[in-house]
Amino acid sequence: MTDTLVGIGAVKAASEILGDKWTPQLLRHFINEGTLRFCHLQDLAEGINPRTLSARLDSLEAEGIVEKVQTSTSRCEYRLSQKGYDLVPVLQQMQTWSEKYGSTIC
């Protein structure tokens, strides 16, 4: 048996949450902006289809990464939970890696 630096289960769990095109970008907006309404988030994430945004928010809420807060009978806002804020170092490392190697990726 060999020791590994990163276990397959850990990578798989993180990839299931962060492994699509939009989720890391949405999380970045939450980190930088705080609490956001759907329309504002859609404006920030240029090019995202409303159905895709809704699906990503539902998924992040189900995972406990984003919290949905009802602000009135017809409006709600979204914000990161503590579990979501715990992803900040992961996204910062992604940024560091991208700054170092991003220009070499086709």
Protein backbone atom coordinates (compact mmCIF):
# COMPACT_ATOMS: atom_id res chain seq x y z
CA MET A 1 0.00 0.00 0.00
CA THR A 2 1.32 3.44 -0.92
CA ASP A 3 0.55 6.77 0.66
CA THR A 4 -0.90 9.41 -1.61
CA LEU A 5 -0.77 13.17 -1.26
CA VAL A 6 -4.32 13.60 -2.53
CA GLY A 7 -6.95 10.90 -2.19
CA ILE A 8 -9.27 10.02 -5.06
CA GLY A 9 -12.34 10.50 -2.88
CA ALA A 10 -11.33 14.07 -2.05
CA VAL A 11 -10.72 14.97 -5.68
CA LYS A 12 -13.95 13.31 -6.78
CA ALA A 13 -16.05 15.13 -4.16
CA ALA A 14 -14.58 18.54 -5.04
CA SER A 15 -14.85 17.88 -8.78
CA GLU A 16 -18.53 17.05 -8.49
CA ILE A 17 -19.11 20.53 -7.07
CA LEU A 18 -16.47 22.64 -8.85
CA GLY A 19 -16.06 20.65 -12.06
CA ASP A 20 -18.39 22.51 -14.39
CA LYS A 21 -17.91 25.71 -16.35
CA TRP A 22 -20.04 28.04 -14.24
CA THR A 23 -19.78 27.04 -10.59
CA PRO A 24 -16.28 28.42 -9.86
CA GLN A 25 -17.24 31.66 -11.60
CA LEU A 26 -20.43 31.96 -9.57
CA LEU A 27 -18.56 31.28 -6.35
CA ARG A 28 -16.07 34.01 -7.27
CA HIS A 29 -18.92 36.50 -7.59
CA PHE A 30 -20.29 35.51 -4.18
CA ILE A 31 -16.84 35.89 -2.63
CA ASN A 32 -16.30 39.32 -4.18
CA GLU A 33 -19.84 40.70 -3.92
CA GLY A 34 -21.41 38.99 -0.90
CA THR A 35 -25.19 38.63 -1.05
CA LEU A 36 -26.64 38.67 -4.57
CA ARG A 37 -30.03 38.56 -6.20
CA PHE A 38 -30.60 36.26 -9.16
CA CYS A 39 -30.70 39.07 -11.74
CA HIS A 40 -27.52 40.68 -10.43
CA LEU A 41 -25.72 37.35 -10.46
CA GLN A 42 -26.90 36.72 -14.01
CA ASP A 43 -25.51 40.12 -15.06
CA LEU A 44 -22.17 39.41 -13.39
CA ALA A 45 -21.88 35.95 -14.96
CA GLU A 46 -22.11 37.21 -18.52
CA GLY A 47 -23.46 34.64 -20.92
CA ILE A 48 -25.07 32.25 -18.46
CA ASN A 49 -28.48 30.99 -19.43
CA PRO A 50 -31.11 31.65 -16.72
CA ARG A 51 -31.99 27.94 -16.59
CA THR A 52 -28.32 27.06 -16.09
CA LEU A 53 -27.96 29.67 -13.37
CA SER A 54 -31.07 28.39 -11.62
CA ALA A 55 -29.80 24.80 -11.81
CA ARG A 56 -26.36 25.76 -10.45
CA LEU A 57 -27.90 27.74 -7.58
CA ASP A 58 -30.22 24.85 -6.74
CA SER A 59 -27.27 22.47 -6.75
CA LEU A 60 -25.11 24.75 -4.60
CA GLU A 61 -28.00 25.23 -2.20
CA ALA A 62 -28.59 21.47 -1.99
CA GLU A 63 -24.87 20.99 -1.22
CA GLY A 64 -25.09 23.59 1.55
CA ILE A 65 -22.62 25.93 -0.18
CA VAL A 66 -25.12 28.70 -0.92
CA GLU A 67 -28.01 29.86 1.23
CA LYS A 68 -31.21 31.27 -0.23
CA VAL A 69 -32.71 34.08 1.85
CA GLN A 70 -36.27 35.27 1.27
CA THR A 71 -36.26 39.10 1.40
CA SER A 72 -39.93 39.61 0.56
CA THR A 73 -42.83 37.53 -0.70
CA SER A 74 -41.52 37.73 -4.27
CA ARG A 75 -37.76 38.26 -3.87
CA CYS A 76 -34.83 36.32 -2.54
CA GLU A 77 -31.09 36.68 -2.32
CA TYR A 78 -28.27 34.18 -2.29
CA ARG A 79 -25.12 34.16 -0.19
CA LEU A 80 -22.33 31.79 0.67
CA SER A 81 -22.71 29.59 3.71
CA GLN A 82 -19.76 28.79 5.94
CA LYS A 83 -19.22 25.69 3.80
CA GLY A 84 -19.07 27.99 0.78
CA TYR A 85 -16.57 30.31 2.44
CA ASP A 86 -14.43 27.28 3.19
CA LEU A 87 -13.91 26.99 -0.59
CA VAL A 88 -12.15 30.39 -0.73
CA PRO A 89 -8.64 28.91 -0.31
CA VAL A 90 -9.36 26.39 -3.08
CA LEU A 91 -10.43 29.16 -5.46
CA GLN A 92 -7.44 31.29 -4.44
CA GLN A 93 -5.14 28.39 -5.32
CA MET A 94 -6.93 28.03 -8.66
CA GLN A 95 -6.29 31.73 -9.26
CA THR A 96 -2.60 31.40 -8.35
CA TRP A 97 -2.19 28.43 -10.67
CA SER A 98 -4.04 30.21 -13.50
CA GLU A 99 -1.89 33.32 -13.13
CA LYS A 100 1.22 31.15 -13.37
CA TYR A 101 0.17 28.79 -16.17
CA GLY A 102 -3.04 30.16 -17.70
CA SER A 103 -1.34 31.75 -20.69
CA THR A 104 0.19 28.39 -21.67
CA ILE A 105 -3.14 26.55 -21.84
CA CYS A 106 -4.69 26.20 -25.28
